[in-house]
Amino acid sequence: MTIHAELHSKILRLHFVEQWGVNTIARQLHIHHSVVERVLSQVGVPQAERTESRSIRDPYNDFIVETLNKYPELTATRKSGKNIDVDAYRISQDLQLLIDDCKYWIKHDTYAPDEIAARFHHRLVTIHPYANGNGRHARLAADLLLVSLRQKRFSWGRGSLLDAGQTRANYIEALRAADHHGYASLQAFVRS
C-alpha cells in the first residue's frame, strides 16, 4: 500500500524534528503504527524491538489460570446493572482508570500509602465488577497493594465483615462517607 508524499513527509518530520515515537505519530495522524514503522524503515531507522509489557497481574497469573480451570463457568465481570454507580458496560474502562490513577498516586507521592490503598479500595467497591464478593475482592486487592508498597496489610476493623454486626455497620458507614470524598473515617476503620 502506498501513501501520499505529504503523509510520508509528515511522518518523517514528526519523527526527526519533533522526536515523536511511532505510536504517538500513528495516533496523531490516525494511521496504523505499522505504516509509520514502514516509512521509517525505508529511510534506515531500525525498528524497535517489541517487548511484552509487565502487568500488575503477572505474579498472580498461575493462580488465576488455576481458578478459571477449576471454575470454568466463573464470569469475569457482572453482566447486568446493579443499584450502584458504574454501569456494566463501563466496568473495564473504570477499572483501567482506577489502575492508572493508583499508579499516578504512587509515582508522585500524592497520598500516603494507607490513603492510596483506602481510596483504591473504595473506588474498586464503587466500580462493583462482580455480581458477588466485591467487598472481599476489594479488601484483598487493597491488602495486596499495601504489600507491594512494603506496608502492613489493613486490619479491617478486626472483626467479621461478612456478618451483619457492628464491624460491618462501621465499614459500610465509612464507605458511605468516602462516597462524599470523606476518607478519614475509612482510613481510621481500615487500621482499627
N, C-alpha and C. Protein backbone atom coordinates (compact mmCIF):
# COMPACT_ATOMS: atom_id res chain seq x y z
N MET A 1 0.85 -1.17 0.00
CA MET A 1 0.00 0.00 0.00
C MET A 1 0.90 1.24 0.00
N THR A 2 0.63 2.14 -0.90
CA THR A 2 1.42 3.36 -0.96
C THR A 2 0.70 4.48 -0.22
N ILE A 3 1.49 5.41 0.27
CA ILE A 3 0.90 6.56 0.95
C ILE A 3 1.31 7.83 0.21
N HIS A 4 0.56 8.87 0.39
CA HIS A 4 0.83 10.14 -0.27
C HIS A 4 2.15 10.73 0.24
N ALA A 5 2.80 11.46 -0.63
CA ALA A 5 4.08 12.08 -0.29
C ALA A 5 3.92 13.02 0.91
N GLU A 6 2.77 13.70 1.01
CA GLU A 6 2.54 14.63 2.12
C GLU A 6 2.52 13.88 3.46
N LEU A 7 1.85 12.72 3.50
CA LEU A 7 1.81 11.92 4.73
C LEU A 7 3.19 11.38 5.05
N HIS A 8 3.90 10.94 4.02
CA HIS A 8 5.27 10.45 4.19
C HIS A 8 6.14 11.53 4.83
N SER A 9 6.04 12.75 4.33
CA SER A 9 6.82 13.88 4.86
C SER A 9 6.43 14.21 6.30
N LYS A 10 5.13 14.15 6.60
CA LYS A 10 4.67 14.44 7.97
C LYS A 10 5.25 13.43 8.96
N ILE A 11 5.24 12.16 8.57
CA ILE A 11 5.77 11.11 9.44
C ILE A 11 7.25 11.37 9.73
N LEU A 12 8.01 11.67 8.68
CA LEU A 12 9.44 11.92 8.86
C LEU A 12 9.69 13.17 9.70
N ARG A 13 8.92 14.23 9.47
CA ARG A 13 9.10 15.46 10.24
C ARG A 13 8.79 15.22 11.72
N LEU A 14 7.67 14.53 11.99
CA LEU A 14 7.30 14.28 13.37
C LEU A 14 8.33 13.41 14.09
N HIS A 15 8.92 12.47 13.35
CA HIS A 15 9.92 11.60 13.97
C HIS A 15 11.26 12.31 14.19
N PHE A 16 11.77 12.94 13.11
CA PHE A 16 13.12 13.51 13.20
C PHE A 16 13.15 14.90 13.83
N VAL A 17 12.16 15.72 13.56
CA VAL A 17 12.17 17.09 14.09
C VAL A 17 11.53 17.15 15.47
N GLU A 18 10.34 16.57 15.60
CA GLU A 18 9.62 16.64 16.88
C GLU A 18 10.05 15.54 17.85
N GLN A 19 10.79 14.53 17.35
CA GLN A 19 11.28 13.43 18.18
C GLN A 19 10.14 12.58 18.76
N TRP A 20 9.05 12.46 18.01
CA TRP A 20 7.92 11.67 18.47
C TRP A 20 8.17 10.20 18.20
N GLY A 21 7.58 9.36 19.03
CA GLY A 21 7.67 7.92 18.85
C GLY A 21 6.65 7.43 17.83
N VAL A 22 6.79 6.19 17.45
CA VAL A 22 5.94 5.59 16.42
C VAL A 22 4.46 5.66 16.80
N ASN A 23 4.12 5.24 18.01
CA ASN A 23 2.71 5.21 18.40
C ASN A 23 2.11 6.60 18.51
N THR A 24 2.89 7.56 18.96
CA THR A 24 2.39 8.93 19.05
C THR A 24 2.09 9.47 17.66
N ILE A 25 2.98 9.23 16.72
CA ILE A 25 2.76 9.67 15.34
C ILE A 25 1.52 8.99 14.77
N ALA A 26 1.41 7.71 14.99
CA ALA A 26 0.26 6.96 14.45
C ALA A 26 -1.05 7.51 15.01
N ARG A 27 -1.10 7.77 16.32
CA ARG A 27 -2.32 8.32 16.92
C ARG A 27 -2.64 9.70 16.36
N GLN A 28 -1.63 10.54 16.26
CA GLN A 28 -1.84 11.91 15.79
C GLN A 28 -2.33 11.95 14.35
N LEU A 29 -1.79 11.09 13.52
CA LEU A 29 -2.15 11.09 12.09
C LEU A 29 -3.29 10.12 11.76
N HIS A 30 -3.79 9.42 12.77
CA HIS A 30 -4.91 8.47 12.60
C HIS A 30 -4.57 7.39 11.58
N ILE A 31 -3.37 6.83 11.74
CA ILE A 31 -2.94 5.73 10.88
C ILE A 31 -2.43 4.60 11.77
N HIS A 32 -2.27 3.44 11.19
CA HIS A 32 -1.78 2.28 11.94
C HIS A 32 -0.28 2.43 12.16
N HIS A 33 0.19 1.95 13.33
CA HIS A 33 1.60 2.08 13.66
C HIS A 33 2.51 1.39 12.65
N SER A 34 2.01 0.36 11.98
CA SER A 34 2.85 -0.35 11.01
C SER A 34 3.18 0.54 9.80
N VAL A 35 2.29 1.49 9.48
CA VAL A 35 2.56 2.42 8.38
C VAL A 35 3.74 3.32 8.77
N VAL A 36 3.71 3.82 10.00
CA VAL A 36 4.81 4.67 10.49
C VAL A 36 6.11 3.87 10.50
N GLU A 37 6.06 2.65 10.99
CA GLU A 37 7.26 1.81 11.05
C GLU A 37 7.82 1.55 9.65
N ARG A 38 6.93 1.33 8.68
CA ARG A 38 7.37 1.06 7.31
C ARG A 38 8.06 2.28 6.71
N VAL A 39 7.48 3.47 6.90
CA VAL A 39 8.07 4.70 6.36
C VAL A 39 9.45 4.93 6.99
N LEU A 40 9.53 4.75 8.30
CA LEU A 40 10.81 4.97 8.98
C LEU A 40 11.87 3.95 8.57
N SER A 41 11.44 2.71 8.36
CA SER A 41 12.41 1.68 7.95
C SER A 41 12.94 1.96 6.55
N GLN A 42 12.13 2.61 5.70
CA GLN A 42 12.57 2.94 4.34
C GLN A 42 13.70 3.97 4.33
N VAL A 43 13.80 4.77 5.39
CA VAL A 43 14.88 5.76 5.46
C VAL A 43 15.99 5.32 6.41
N GLY A 44 15.96 4.04 6.81
CA GLY A 44 17.05 3.48 7.59
C GLY A 44 16.91 3.51 9.10
N VAL A 45 15.73 3.87 9.61
CA VAL A 45 15.54 3.86 11.06
C VAL A 45 15.26 2.42 11.48
N PRO A 46 16.08 1.87 12.38
CA PRO A 46 15.86 0.48 12.80
C PRO A 46 14.56 0.37 13.60
N GLN A 47 13.88 -0.73 13.38
CA GLN A 47 12.62 -0.97 14.08
C GLN A 47 12.92 -1.35 15.53
N ALA A 48 12.20 -0.72 16.43
CA ALA A 48 12.39 -1.01 17.86
C ALA A 48 11.95 -2.43 18.16
N GLU A 49 12.71 -3.08 19.05
CA GLU A 49 12.33 -4.42 19.48
C GLU A 49 11.12 -4.32 20.39
N ARG A 50 10.17 -5.16 20.14
CA ARG A 50 8.97 -5.16 20.98
C ARG A 50 9.17 -6.12 22.14
N THR A 51 8.90 -5.63 23.32
CA THR A 51 8.96 -6.48 24.50
C THR A 51 7.58 -6.52 25.11
N GLU A 52 7.26 -7.63 25.69
CA GLU A 52 5.98 -7.77 26.34
C GLU A 52 5.98 -6.96 27.62
N SER A 53 5.00 -6.06 27.75
CA SER A 53 4.98 -5.22 28.94
C SER A 53 4.51 -6.02 30.15
N ARG A 54 5.07 -5.68 31.30
CA ARG A 54 4.71 -6.36 32.53
C ARG A 54 3.40 -5.80 33.03
N SER A 55 2.67 -6.64 33.69
CA SER A 55 1.39 -6.25 34.25
C SER A 55 1.42 -6.43 35.76
N ILE A 56 0.62 -5.62 36.44
CA ILE A 56 0.49 -5.74 37.88
C ILE A 56 -0.07 -7.13 38.25
N ARG A 57 -0.69 -7.75 37.27
CA ARG A 57 -1.33 -9.05 37.47
C ARG A 57 -0.36 -10.22 37.33
N ASP A 58 0.79 -10.00 36.73
CA ASP A 58 1.73 -11.09 36.42
C ASP A 58 2.01 -12.06 37.56
N PRO A 59 2.27 -11.59 38.78
CA PRO A 59 2.57 -12.56 39.86
C PRO A 59 1.40 -13.49 40.19
N TYR A 60 0.21 -13.15 39.75
CA TYR A 60 -0.98 -13.92 40.10
C TYR A 60 -1.53 -14.75 38.94
N ASN A 61 -0.83 -14.74 37.80
CA ASN A 61 -1.33 -15.43 36.62
C ASN A 61 -1.58 -16.92 36.86
N ASP A 62 -0.66 -17.61 37.54
CA ASP A 62 -0.85 -19.05 37.79
C ASP A 62 -2.10 -19.29 38.62
N PHE A 63 -2.30 -18.47 39.65
CA PHE A 63 -3.49 -18.60 40.50
C PHE A 63 -4.76 -18.34 39.68
N ILE A 64 -4.74 -17.34 38.83
CA ILE A 64 -5.91 -17.00 38.01
C ILE A 64 -6.24 -18.15 37.07
N VAL A 65 -5.24 -18.68 36.39
CA VAL A 65 -5.46 -19.80 35.46
C VAL A 65 -5.98 -21.02 36.22
N GLU A 66 -5.39 -21.32 37.35
CA GLU A 66 -5.83 -22.46 38.16
C GLU A 66 -7.29 -22.29 38.59
N THR A 67 -7.65 -21.10 39.03
CA THR A 67 -9.02 -20.83 39.47
C THR A 67 -10.00 -20.95 38.30
N LEU A 68 -9.63 -20.40 37.15
CA LEU A 68 -10.52 -20.47 35.98
C LEU A 68 -10.66 -21.91 35.48
N ASN A 69 -9.61 -22.71 35.59
CA ASN A 69 -9.71 -24.12 35.22
C ASN A 69 -10.61 -24.88 36.19
N LYS A 70 -10.52 -24.53 37.45
CA LYS A 70 -11.32 -25.19 38.48
C LYS A 70 -12.80 -24.79 38.38
N TYR A 71 -13.06 -23.52 38.03
CA TYR A 71 -14.43 -22.99 37.92
C TYR A 71 -14.64 -22.40 36.53
N PRO A 72 -14.82 -23.23 35.51
CA PRO A 72 -14.89 -22.72 34.14
C PRO A 72 -16.11 -21.83 33.86
N GLU A 73 -17.13 -21.91 34.68
CA GLU A 73 -18.32 -21.08 34.47
C GLU A 73 -18.21 -19.71 35.14
N LEU A 74 -17.11 -19.46 35.81
CA LEU A 74 -16.91 -18.20 36.51
C LEU A 74 -16.84 -17.07 35.50
N THR A 75 -17.66 -16.03 35.72
CA THR A 75 -17.63 -14.88 34.82
C THR A 75 -16.65 -13.86 35.36
N ALA A 76 -16.01 -13.16 34.45
CA ALA A 76 -15.00 -12.18 34.84
C ALA A 76 -15.64 -10.93 35.44
N THR A 77 -16.72 -10.50 34.89
CA THR A 77 -17.40 -9.31 35.42
C THR A 77 -18.90 -9.54 35.39
N ARG A 78 -19.58 -8.68 36.10
CA ARG A 78 -21.04 -8.81 36.08
C ARG A 78 -21.56 -8.37 34.71
N LYS A 79 -22.68 -8.91 34.33
CA LYS A 79 -23.24 -8.65 33.00
C LYS A 79 -24.46 -7.73 33.05
N SER A 80 -24.91 -7.42 34.25
CA SER A 80 -26.13 -6.63 34.36
C SER A 80 -25.90 -5.43 35.26
N GLY A 81 -26.84 -4.50 35.22
CA GLY A 81 -26.76 -3.32 36.06
C GLY A 81 -27.09 -3.66 37.50
N LYS A 82 -26.57 -2.88 38.40
CA LYS A 82 -26.87 -3.00 39.82
C LYS A 82 -27.23 -1.60 40.30
N ASN A 83 -27.73 -1.52 41.49
CA ASN A 83 -28.09 -0.22 42.04
C ASN A 83 -26.84 0.45 42.62
N ILE A 84 -25.87 0.71 41.74
CA ILE A 84 -24.60 1.31 42.16
C ILE A 84 -24.16 2.31 41.11
N ASP A 85 -22.97 2.87 41.27
CA ASP A 85 -22.52 3.98 40.43
C ASP A 85 -22.12 3.61 39.00
N VAL A 86 -21.57 2.44 38.76
CA VAL A 86 -20.97 2.13 37.47
C VAL A 86 -21.82 1.13 36.69
N ASP A 87 -22.18 1.50 35.46
CA ASP A 87 -22.92 0.59 34.59
C ASP A 87 -21.99 -0.54 34.14
N ALA A 88 -22.59 -1.70 33.85
CA ALA A 88 -21.80 -2.88 33.49
C ALA A 88 -20.89 -2.62 32.29
N TYR A 89 -21.35 -1.86 31.32
CA TYR A 89 -20.53 -1.65 30.12
C TYR A 89 -19.30 -0.76 30.41
N ARG A 90 -19.28 -0.07 31.55
CA ARG A 90 -18.16 0.81 31.89
C ARG A 90 -17.14 0.18 32.82
N ILE A 91 -17.37 -1.05 33.25
CA ILE A 91 -16.50 -1.67 34.25
C ILE A 91 -15.04 -1.69 33.82
N SER A 92 -14.76 -2.20 32.63
CA SER A 92 -13.35 -2.33 32.22
C SER A 92 -12.69 -0.96 32.09
N GLN A 93 -13.41 0.03 31.59
CA GLN A 93 -12.84 1.37 31.45
C GLN A 93 -12.55 1.99 32.83
N ASP A 94 -13.50 1.85 33.74
CA ASP A 94 -13.33 2.43 35.07
C ASP A 94 -12.23 1.71 35.86
N LEU A 95 -12.10 0.40 35.65
CA LEU A 95 -11.00 -0.32 36.29
C LEU A 95 -9.65 0.19 35.78
N GLN A 96 -9.55 0.40 34.47
CA GLN A 96 -8.30 0.92 33.91
C GLN A 96 -8.00 2.31 34.44
N LEU A 97 -9.03 3.16 34.55
CA LEU A 97 -8.84 4.50 35.12
C LEU A 97 -8.35 4.41 36.57
N LEU A 98 -8.94 3.51 37.33
CA LEU A 98 -8.53 3.32 38.72
C LEU A 98 -7.07 2.90 38.80
N ILE A 99 -6.67 1.94 37.99
CA ILE A 99 -5.28 1.47 37.99
C ILE A 99 -4.34 2.60 37.58
N ASP A 100 -4.72 3.36 36.56
CA ASP A 100 -3.89 4.48 36.12
C ASP A 100 -3.78 5.54 37.21
N ASP A 101 -4.90 5.85 37.87
CA ASP A 101 -4.87 6.83 38.97
C ASP A 101 -3.96 6.34 40.09
N CYS A 102 -4.10 5.07 40.42
CA CYS A 102 -3.31 4.49 41.51
C CYS A 102 -1.81 4.55 41.18
N LYS A 103 -1.46 4.24 39.96
CA LYS A 103 -0.06 4.32 39.54
C LYS A 103 0.45 5.76 39.67
N TYR A 104 -0.38 6.72 39.29
CA TYR A 104 0.00 8.13 39.40
C TYR A 104 0.20 8.52 40.86
N TRP A 105 -0.75 8.14 41.72
CA TRP A 105 -0.64 8.47 43.15
C TRP A 105 0.66 7.94 43.74
N ILE A 106 1.00 6.71 43.35
CA ILE A 106 2.23 6.10 43.88
C ILE A 106 3.46 6.81 43.33
N LYS A 107 3.49 7.01 42.03
CA LYS A 107 4.65 7.62 41.38
C LYS A 107 4.92 9.03 41.90
N HIS A 108 3.85 9.79 42.15
CA HIS A 108 4.00 11.20 42.53
C HIS A 108 3.79 11.46 44.02
N ASP A 109 3.73 10.38 44.81
CA ASP A 109 3.52 10.52 46.26
C ASP A 109 2.35 11.45 46.57
N THR A 110 1.26 11.27 45.84
CA THR A 110 0.09 12.13 46.02
C THR A 110 -0.52 11.95 47.40
N TYR A 111 -0.58 10.72 47.86
CA TYR A 111 -1.11 10.40 49.18
C TYR A 111 -0.15 9.44 49.88
N ALA A 112 -0.33 9.30 51.18
CA ALA A 112 0.40 8.29 51.93
C ALA A 112 -0.08 6.91 51.49
N PRO A 113 0.73 5.87 51.65
CA PRO A 113 0.34 4.52 51.21
C PRO A 113 -1.02 4.07 51.76
N ASP A 114 -1.31 4.33 53.03
CA ASP A 114 -2.61 3.93 53.59
C ASP A 114 -3.77 4.61 52.86
N GLU A 115 -3.60 5.89 52.56
CA GLU A 115 -4.69 6.59 51.88
C GLU A 115 -4.83 6.13 50.44
N ILE A 116 -3.71 5.82 49.79
CA ILE A 116 -3.78 5.28 48.43
C ILE A 116 -4.59 3.98 48.44
N ALA A 117 -4.27 3.09 49.38
CA ALA A 117 -4.96 1.80 49.45
C ALA A 117 -6.42 1.98 49.83
N ALA A 118 -6.73 2.92 50.72
CA ALA A 118 -8.12 3.16 51.10
C ALA A 118 -8.92 3.72 49.92
N ARG A 119 -8.34 4.67 49.20
CA ARG A 119 -9.02 5.23 48.02
C ARG A 119 -9.19 4.16 46.94
N PHE A 120 -8.15 3.36 46.74
CA PHE A 120 -8.22 2.26 45.77
C PHE A 120 -9.36 1.31 46.14
N HIS A 121 -9.40 0.93 47.41
CA HIS A 121 -10.45 0.02 47.89
C HIS A 121 -11.84 0.61 47.65
N HIS A 122 -12.03 1.86 48.02
CA HIS A 122 -13.33 2.50 47.87
C HIS A 122 -13.76 2.54 46.41
N ARG A 123 -12.86 2.95 45.53
CA ARG A 123 -13.20 3.04 44.10
C ARG A 123 -13.50 1.65 43.52
N LEU A 124 -12.74 0.64 43.97
CA LEU A 124 -12.98 -0.71 43.47
C LEU A 124 -14.34 -1.23 43.91
N VAL A 125 -14.73 -0.93 45.15
CA VAL A 125 -16.06 -1.30 45.62
C VAL A 125 -17.13 -0.57 44.80
N THR A 126 -16.89 0.70 44.52
CA THR A 126 -17.85 1.50 43.75
C THR A 126 -18.01 0.98 42.34
N ILE A 127 -16.91 0.56 41.72
CA ILE A 127 -16.99 0.00 40.36
C ILE A 127 -17.81 -1.29 40.36
N HIS A 128 -17.69 -2.08 41.42
CA HIS A 128 -18.52 -3.27 41.62
C HIS A 128 -18.45 -4.22 40.42
N PRO A 129 -17.24 -4.75 40.12
CA PRO A 129 -17.08 -5.54 38.90
C PRO A 129 -17.77 -6.91 38.91
N TYR A 130 -18.09 -7.44 40.07
CA TYR A 130 -18.66 -8.78 40.14
C TYR A 130 -20.07 -8.74 40.69
N ALA A 131 -20.81 -9.79 40.43
CA ALA A 131 -22.17 -9.89 40.96
C ALA A 131 -22.13 -10.06 42.48
N ASN A 132 -21.15 -10.80 42.98
CA ASN A 132 -20.99 -11.04 44.41
C ASN A 132 -19.52 -10.98 44.78
N GLY A 133 -19.25 -10.71 46.05
CA GLY A 133 -17.89 -10.76 46.55
C GLY A 133 -17.05 -9.52 46.29
N ASN A 134 -17.68 -8.42 45.94
CA ASN A 134 -16.91 -7.22 45.61
C ASN A 134 -16.16 -6.64 46.80
N GLY A 135 -16.76 -6.67 47.98
CA GLY A 135 -16.08 -6.18 49.17
C GLY A 135 -14.88 -7.02 49.51
N ARG A 136 -15.05 -8.36 49.48
CA ARG A 136 -13.92 -9.26 49.76
C ARG A 136 -12.82 -9.06 48.75
N HIS A 137 -13.20 -8.97 47.48
CA HIS A 137 -12.22 -8.77 46.41
C HIS A 137 -11.48 -7.45 46.60
N ALA A 138 -12.20 -6.39 46.90
CA ALA A 138 -11.59 -5.07 47.05
C ALA A 138 -10.67 -5.02 48.28
N ARG A 139 -11.06 -5.71 49.35
CA ARG A 139 -10.20 -5.74 50.54
C ARG A 139 -8.91 -6.52 50.24
N LEU A 140 -9.03 -7.65 49.56
CA LEU A 140 -7.85 -8.42 49.18
C LEU A 140 -6.94 -7.59 48.27
N ALA A 141 -7.53 -6.93 47.28
CA ALA A 141 -6.75 -6.12 46.34
C ALA A 141 -6.04 -4.97 47.06
N ALA A 142 -6.73 -4.33 48.02
CA ALA A 142 -6.11 -3.24 48.78
C ALA A 142 -4.94 -3.78 49.62
N ASP A 143 -5.13 -4.94 50.22
CA ASP A 143 -4.04 -5.54 51.01
C ASP A 143 -2.86 -5.91 50.12
N LEU A 144 -3.12 -6.45 48.93
CA LEU A 144 -2.04 -6.77 48.00
C LEU A 144 -1.31 -5.51 47.57
N LEU A 145 -2.06 -4.44 47.37
CA LEU A 145 -1.45 -3.16 47.02
C LEU A 145 -0.53 -2.69 48.15
N LEU A 146 -1.00 -2.77 49.38
CA LEU A 146 -0.18 -2.37 50.52
C LEU A 146 1.10 -3.21 50.62
N VAL A 147 0.97 -4.51 50.44
CA VAL A 147 2.14 -5.39 50.50
C VAL A 147 3.13 -5.01 49.39
N SER A 148 2.63 -4.69 48.21
CA SER A 148 3.52 -4.29 47.11
C SER A 148 4.22 -2.97 47.41
N LEU A 149 3.61 -2.16 48.28
CA LEU A 149 4.22 -0.89 48.70
C LEU A 149 5.06 -1.05 49.97
N ARG A 150 5.26 -2.30 50.37
CA ARG A 150 6.03 -2.65 51.57
C ARG A 150 5.41 -2.08 52.85
N GLN A 151 4.09 -2.17 52.92
CA GLN A 151 3.33 -1.73 54.08
C GLN A 151 2.61 -2.93 54.69
N LYS A 152 2.18 -2.78 55.95
CA LYS A 152 1.39 -3.84 56.59
C LYS A 152 -0.03 -3.82 56.03
N ARG A 153 -0.61 -5.02 55.94
CA ARG A 153 -2.00 -5.12 55.48
C ARG A 153 -2.92 -4.42 56.47
N PHE A 154 -4.10 -4.03 55.98
CA PHE A 154 -5.11 -3.42 56.85
C PHE A 154 -5.69 -4.47 57.80
N SER A 155 -6.19 -4.01 58.93
CA SER A 155 -6.83 -4.92 59.90
C SER A 155 -8.34 -5.00 59.69
N TRP A 156 -8.91 -4.06 58.93
CA TRP A 156 -10.32 -4.08 58.56
C TRP A 156 -11.26 -4.20 59.76
N GLY A 157 -10.99 -3.44 60.80
CA GLY A 157 -11.87 -3.41 61.97
C GLY A 157 -11.73 -4.59 62.90
N ARG A 158 -10.85 -5.50 62.60
CA ARG A 158 -10.56 -6.68 63.42
C ARG A 158 -11.78 -7.54 63.74
N GLY A 159 -12.79 -7.47 62.92
CA GLY A 159 -13.97 -8.29 63.13
C GLY A 159 -14.46 -8.84 61.81
N SER A 160 -15.54 -9.60 61.85
CA SER A 160 -16.08 -10.18 60.63
C SER A 160 -16.89 -9.13 59.86
N LEU A 161 -16.55 -8.98 58.61
CA LEU A 161 -17.32 -8.08 57.76
C LEU A 161 -18.38 -8.85 56.99
N LEU A 162 -18.41 -10.16 57.15
CA LEU A 162 -19.39 -10.98 56.46
C LEU A 162 -20.70 -11.04 57.24
N ASP A 163 -20.63 -10.93 58.56
CA ASP A 163 -21.82 -10.99 59.40
C ASP A 163 -22.37 -9.58 59.62
N ALA A 164 -23.69 -9.50 59.68
CA ALA A 164 -24.32 -8.20 59.94
C ALA A 164 -24.13 -7.85 61.41
N GLY A 165 -23.08 -7.12 61.71
CA GLY A 165 -22.78 -6.72 63.08
C GLY A 165 -22.24 -5.31 63.08
N GLN A 166 -21.73 -4.89 64.22
CA GLN A 166 -21.24 -3.53 64.36
C GLN A 166 -20.03 -3.25 63.47
N THR A 167 -19.15 -4.24 63.32
CA THR A 167 -17.96 -4.04 62.48
C THR A 167 -18.38 -3.76 61.05
N ARG A 168 -19.31 -4.56 60.54
CA ARG A 168 -19.80 -4.35 59.17
C ARG A 168 -20.51 -3.01 59.05
N ALA A 169 -21.30 -2.64 60.05
CA ALA A 169 -22.01 -1.35 60.02
C ALA A 169 -21.00 -0.19 59.97
N ASN A 170 -19.94 -0.30 60.75
CA ASN A 170 -18.90 0.74 60.74
C ASN A 170 -18.21 0.82 59.38
N TYR A 171 -17.97 -0.34 58.79
CA TYR A 171 -17.34 -0.42 57.47
C TYR A 171 -18.22 0.26 56.42
N ILE A 172 -19.49 -0.08 56.40
CA ILE A 172 -20.41 0.49 55.41
C ILE A 172 -20.55 2.00 55.63
N GLU A 173 -20.61 2.42 56.88
CA GLU A 173 -20.67 3.86 57.18
C GLU A 173 -19.43 4.59 56.67
N ALA A 174 -18.26 3.98 56.84
CA ALA A 174 -17.02 4.57 56.35
C ALA A 174 -17.00 4.63 54.82
N LEU A 175 -17.52 3.60 54.15
CA LEU A 175 -17.60 3.62 52.68
C LEU A 175 -18.55 4.72 52.21
N ARG A 176 -19.66 4.88 52.92
CA ARG A 176 -20.62 5.93 52.53
C ARG A 176 -20.01 7.32 52.71
N ALA A 177 -19.22 7.51 53.75
CA ALA A 177 -18.54 8.80 53.93
C ALA A 177 -17.56 9.04 52.79
N ALA A 178 -16.88 7.97 52.36
CA ALA A 178 -15.95 8.09 51.25
C ALA A 178 -16.68 8.40 49.94
N ASP A 179 -17.93 7.97 49.82
CA ASP A 179 -18.74 8.32 48.65
C ASP A 179 -18.82 9.83 48.48
N HIS A 180 -18.72 10.55 49.59
CA HIS A 180 -18.81 12.02 49.58
C HIS A 180 -17.43 12.64 49.80
N HIS A 181 -16.39 11.89 49.43
CA HIS A 181 -14.99 12.33 49.46
C HIS A 181 -14.45 12.55 50.87
N GLY A 182 -15.07 11.93 51.84
CA GLY A 182 -14.56 11.96 53.21
C GLY A 182 -13.86 10.65 53.52
N TYR A 183 -12.56 10.61 53.36
CA TYR A 183 -11.81 9.35 53.51
C TYR A 183 -11.28 9.13 54.92
N ALA A 184 -11.42 10.12 55.80
CA ALA A 184 -10.85 9.99 57.14
C ALA A 184 -11.44 8.82 57.91
N SER A 185 -12.76 8.64 57.85
CA SER A 185 -13.36 7.54 58.62
C SER A 185 -12.99 6.18 58.02
N LEU A 186 -12.84 6.09 56.70
CA LEU A 186 -12.42 4.83 56.08
C LEU A 186 -10.97 4.52 56.48
N GLN A 187 -10.11 5.53 56.46
CA GLN A 187 -8.73 5.33 56.85
C GLN A 187 -8.62 4.90 58.31
N ALA A 188 -9.46 5.49 59.15
CA ALA A 188 -9.45 5.10 60.56
C ALA A 188 -9.96 3.67 60.73
N PHE A 189 -11.02 3.31 59.98
CA PHE A 189 -11.60 1.97 60.11
C PHE A 189 -10.62 0.90 59.68
N VAL A 190 -9.95 1.09 58.54
CA VAL A 190 -9.11 0.02 58.00
C VAL A 190 -7.92 -0.31 58.89
N ARG A 191 -7.54 0.59 59.78
CA ARG A 191 -6.44 0.36 60.70
C ARG A 191 -6.93 0.13 62.14
N SER A 192 -8.26 0.00 62.31
CA SER A 192 -8.79 -0.20 63.68
C SER A 192 -8.80 -1.66 64.05
